[in-house]
Amino acid sequence: MTRKVPLYDHKDKVLGVVNYTANLDFWDGHDHSSGVPGEHIGIGKCQKGWYVCHGTQWEGRKGHARLVTEEFAKQLCLKYNPEMYQEIFFGEEPPDLM
């Protein structure tokens, strides 16, 4: 079963629901996380565009997603888990910064 989370725009308006993902998490030696214990991050694409999914294991807090630009999604991918870039962006090569 795929978990769904609410998708918000930049004005906190709920646009619908999207699939939860934590595809930018990395193994820190103990757990998969975004670098903060109990916090998770992922990027997905839906009919309205790219979104960033924020998940948590903390009691009383719920996962959610925010609609973002493709450029912002790419920057987050490069920051958190560049090894996932080609998989997330349909085979596109990451930018060469040399």
C-alpha atoms as a PDB file:
ATOM      1  CA  MET A   1       0.000   0.000   0.000  1.00  0.00           C
ATOM      2  CA  THR A   2       1.310   3.455  -0.934  1.00  0.00           C
ATOM      3  CA  ARG A   3       1.034   6.096   1.746  1.00  0.00           C
ATOM      4  CA  LYS A   4      -0.462   9.433   0.688  1.00  0.00           C
ATOM      5  CA  VAL A   5       0.280  12.866   2.168  1.00  0.00           C
ATOM      6  CA  PRO A   6      -1.355  16.258   1.591  1.00  0.00           C
ATOM      7  CA  LEU A   7       0.226  18.496  -1.055  1.00  0.00           C
ATOM      8  CA  TYR A   8       0.364  22.231  -0.271  1.00  0.00           C
ATOM      9  CA  ASP A   9       1.145  25.217  -2.454  1.00  0.00           C
ATOM     10  CA  HIS A  10       3.298  28.175  -1.334  1.00  0.00           C
ATOM     11  CA  LYS A  11       0.237  29.772   0.323  1.00  0.00           C
ATOM     12  CA  ASP A  12      -0.534  26.678   2.468  1.00  0.00           C
ATOM     13  CA  LYS A  13      -3.533  25.779   0.309  1.00  0.00           C
ATOM     14  CA  VAL A  14      -4.139  22.029   0.057  1.00  0.00           C
ATOM     15  CA  LEU A  15      -4.000  21.004  -3.598  1.00  0.00           C
ATOM     16  CA  GLY A  16      -4.656  17.290  -3.123  1.00  0.00           C
ATOM     17  CA  VAL A  17      -2.685  14.234  -2.044  1.00  0.00           C
ATOM     18  CA  VAL A  18       0.515  12.708  -3.440  1.00  0.00           C
ATOM     19  CA  ASN A  19       2.551   9.577  -2.830  1.00  0.00           C
ATOM     20  CA  TYR A  20       4.888   9.796   0.132  1.00  0.00           C
ATOM     21  CA  THR A  21       8.560   9.364  -0.713  1.00  0.00           C
ATOM     22  CA  ALA A  22      11.807   9.535   1.221  1.00  0.00           C
ATOM     23  CA  ASN A  23      14.053   8.931  -1.803  1.00  0.00           C
ATOM     24  CA  LEU A  24      16.604  11.570  -0.740  1.00  0.00           C
ATOM     25  CA  ASP A  25      17.307   9.919   2.604  1.00  0.00           C
ATOM     26  CA  PHE A  26      20.733   8.388   3.016  1.00  0.00           C
ATOM     27  CA  TRP A  27      22.211   5.808   5.354  1.00  0.00           C
ATOM     28  CA  ASP A  28      23.981   7.627   8.205  1.00  0.00           C
ATOM     29  CA  GLY A  29      25.406   4.468   9.749  1.00  0.00           C
ATOM     30  CA  HIS A  30      22.355   3.872  11.954  1.00  0.00           C
ATOM     31  CA  ASP A  31      19.219   4.832  10.028  1.00  0.00           C
ATOM     32  CA  HIS A  32      17.965   6.248   6.762  1.00  0.00           C
ATOM     33  CA  SER A  33      17.381   9.966   7.312  1.00  0.00           C
ATOM     34  CA  SER A  34      17.851  13.395   5.818  1.00  0.00           C
ATOM     35  CA  GLY A  35      20.586  14.162   8.323  1.00  0.00           C
ATOM     36  CA  VAL A  36      18.204  15.012  11.166  1.00  0.00           C
ATOM     37  CA  PRO A  37      17.095  12.127  13.417  1.00  0.00           C
ATOM     38  CA  GLY A  38      13.529  11.074  12.664  1.00  0.00           C
ATOM     39  CA  GLU A  39      13.184  13.427   9.684  1.00  0.00           C
ATOM     40  CA  HIS A  40      12.901  12.278   6.069  1.00  0.00           C
ATOM     41  CA  ILE A  41      12.851  14.027   2.699  1.00  0.00           C
ATOM     42  CA  GLY A  42      11.980  13.017  -0.836  1.00  0.00           C
ATOM     43  CA  ILE A  43      11.160  14.399  -4.256  1.00  0.00           C
ATOM     44  CA  GLY A  44       8.302  13.351  -6.486  1.00  0.00           C
ATOM     45  CA  LYS A  45       6.415  14.482  -9.537  1.00  0.00           C
ATOM     46  CA  CYS A  46       2.669  14.738  -9.940  1.00  0.00           C
ATOM     47  CA  GLN A  47       0.252  16.316 -12.430  1.00  0.00           C
ATOM     48  CA  LYS A  48       0.834  19.759 -10.893  1.00  0.00           C
ATOM     49  CA  GLY A  49       4.641  19.479 -11.058  1.00  0.00           C
ATOM     50  CA  TRP A  50       7.472  18.655  -8.669  1.00  0.00           C
ATOM     51  CA  TYR A  51       7.024  18.352  -4.936  1.00  0.00           C
ATOM     52  CA  VAL A  52       9.203  17.897  -1.883  1.00  0.00           C
ATOM     53  CA  CYS A  53       7.901  15.449   0.676  1.00  0.00           C
ATOM     54  CA  HIS A  54       8.729  15.948   4.346  1.00  0.00           C
ATOM     55  CA  GLY A  55       8.222  12.960   6.625  1.00  0.00           C
ATOM     56  CA  THR A  56       8.765  12.464  10.311  1.00  0.00           C
ATOM     57  CA  GLN A  57       8.740   9.731  12.893  1.00  0.00           C
ATOM     58  CA  TRP A  58       7.986  12.153  15.718  1.00  0.00           C
ATOM     59  CA  GLU A  59       4.707  11.610  17.534  1.00  0.00           C
ATOM     60  CA  GLY A  60       2.109  14.273  16.838  1.00  0.00           C
ATOM     61  CA  ARG A  61       3.710  15.434  13.570  1.00  0.00           C
ATOM     62  CA  LYS A  62       2.500  14.379  10.142  1.00  0.00           C
ATOM     63  CA  GLY A  63       4.145  14.058   6.777  1.00  0.00           C
ATOM     64  CA  HIS A  64       3.301  16.561   4.052  1.00  0.00           C
ATOM     65  CA  ALA A  65       4.485  17.733   0.649  1.00  0.00           C
ATOM     66  CA  ARG A  66       5.047  21.155  -0.922  1.00  0.00           C
ATOM     67  CA  LEU A  67       4.891  22.065  -4.574  1.00  0.00           C
ATOM     68  CA  VAL A  68       8.296  23.397  -5.743  1.00  0.00           C
ATOM     69  CA  THR A  69       9.999  24.350  -8.978  1.00  0.00           C
ATOM     70  CA  GLU A  70      11.965  21.737 -10.880  1.00  0.00           C
ATOM     71  CA  GLU A  71      15.143  23.768 -10.289  1.00  0.00           C
ATOM     72  CA  PHE A  72      14.591  23.729  -6.515  1.00  0.00           C
ATOM     73  CA  ALA A  73      13.916  19.972  -6.592  1.00  0.00           C
ATOM     74  CA  LYS A  74      17.199  19.442  -8.453  1.00  0.00           C
ATOM     75  CA  GLN A  75      19.116  21.566  -5.941  1.00  0.00           C
ATOM     76  CA  LEU A  76      17.689  19.542  -3.047  1.00  0.00           C
ATOM     77  CA  CYS A  77      18.611  16.289  -4.750  1.00  0.00           C
ATOM     78  CA  LEU A  78      22.195  17.460  -5.258  1.00  0.00           C
ATOM     79  CA  LYS A  79      22.369  18.589  -1.618  1.00  0.00           C
ATOM     80  CA  TYR A  80      20.877  15.524   0.073  1.00  0.00           C
ATOM     81  CA  ASN A  81      21.527  12.533  -2.182  1.00  0.00           C
ATOM     82  CA  PRO A  82      23.219  13.274  -5.537  1.00  0.00           C
ATOM     83  CA  GLU A  83      23.466   9.543  -6.281  1.00  0.00           C
ATOM     84  CA  MET A  84      19.685   9.581  -6.855  1.00  0.00           C
ATOM     85  CA  TYR A  85      19.745  12.420  -9.425  1.00  0.00           C
ATOM     86  CA  GLN A  86      19.544  10.312 -12.597  1.00  0.00           C
ATOM     87  CA  GLU A  87      16.902   8.017 -11.150  1.00  0.00           C
ATOM     88  CA  ILE A  88      14.663  10.876 -10.006  1.00  0.00           C
ATOM     89  CA  PHE A  89      15.133  13.083 -13.079  1.00  0.00           C
ATOM     90  CA  PHE A  90      14.551  10.362 -15.688  1.00  0.00           C
ATOM     91  CA  GLY A  91      18.169   9.647 -16.645  1.00  0.00           C
ATOM     92  CA  GLU A  92      19.286  13.270 -16.864  1.00  0.00           C
ATOM     93  CA  GLU A  93      22.953  13.754 -16.018  1.00  0.00           C
ATOM     94  CA  PRO A  94      23.686  15.934 -12.975  1.00  0.00           C
ATOM     95  CA  PRO A  95      25.275  19.294 -13.817  1.00  0.00           C
ATOM     96  CA  ASP A  96      29.044  19.250 -14.248  1.00  0.00           C
ATOM     97  CA  LEU A  97      30.422  21.843 -11.851  1.00  0.00           C
ATOM     98  CA  MET A  98      34.062  21.504 -12.922  1.00  0.00           C
END
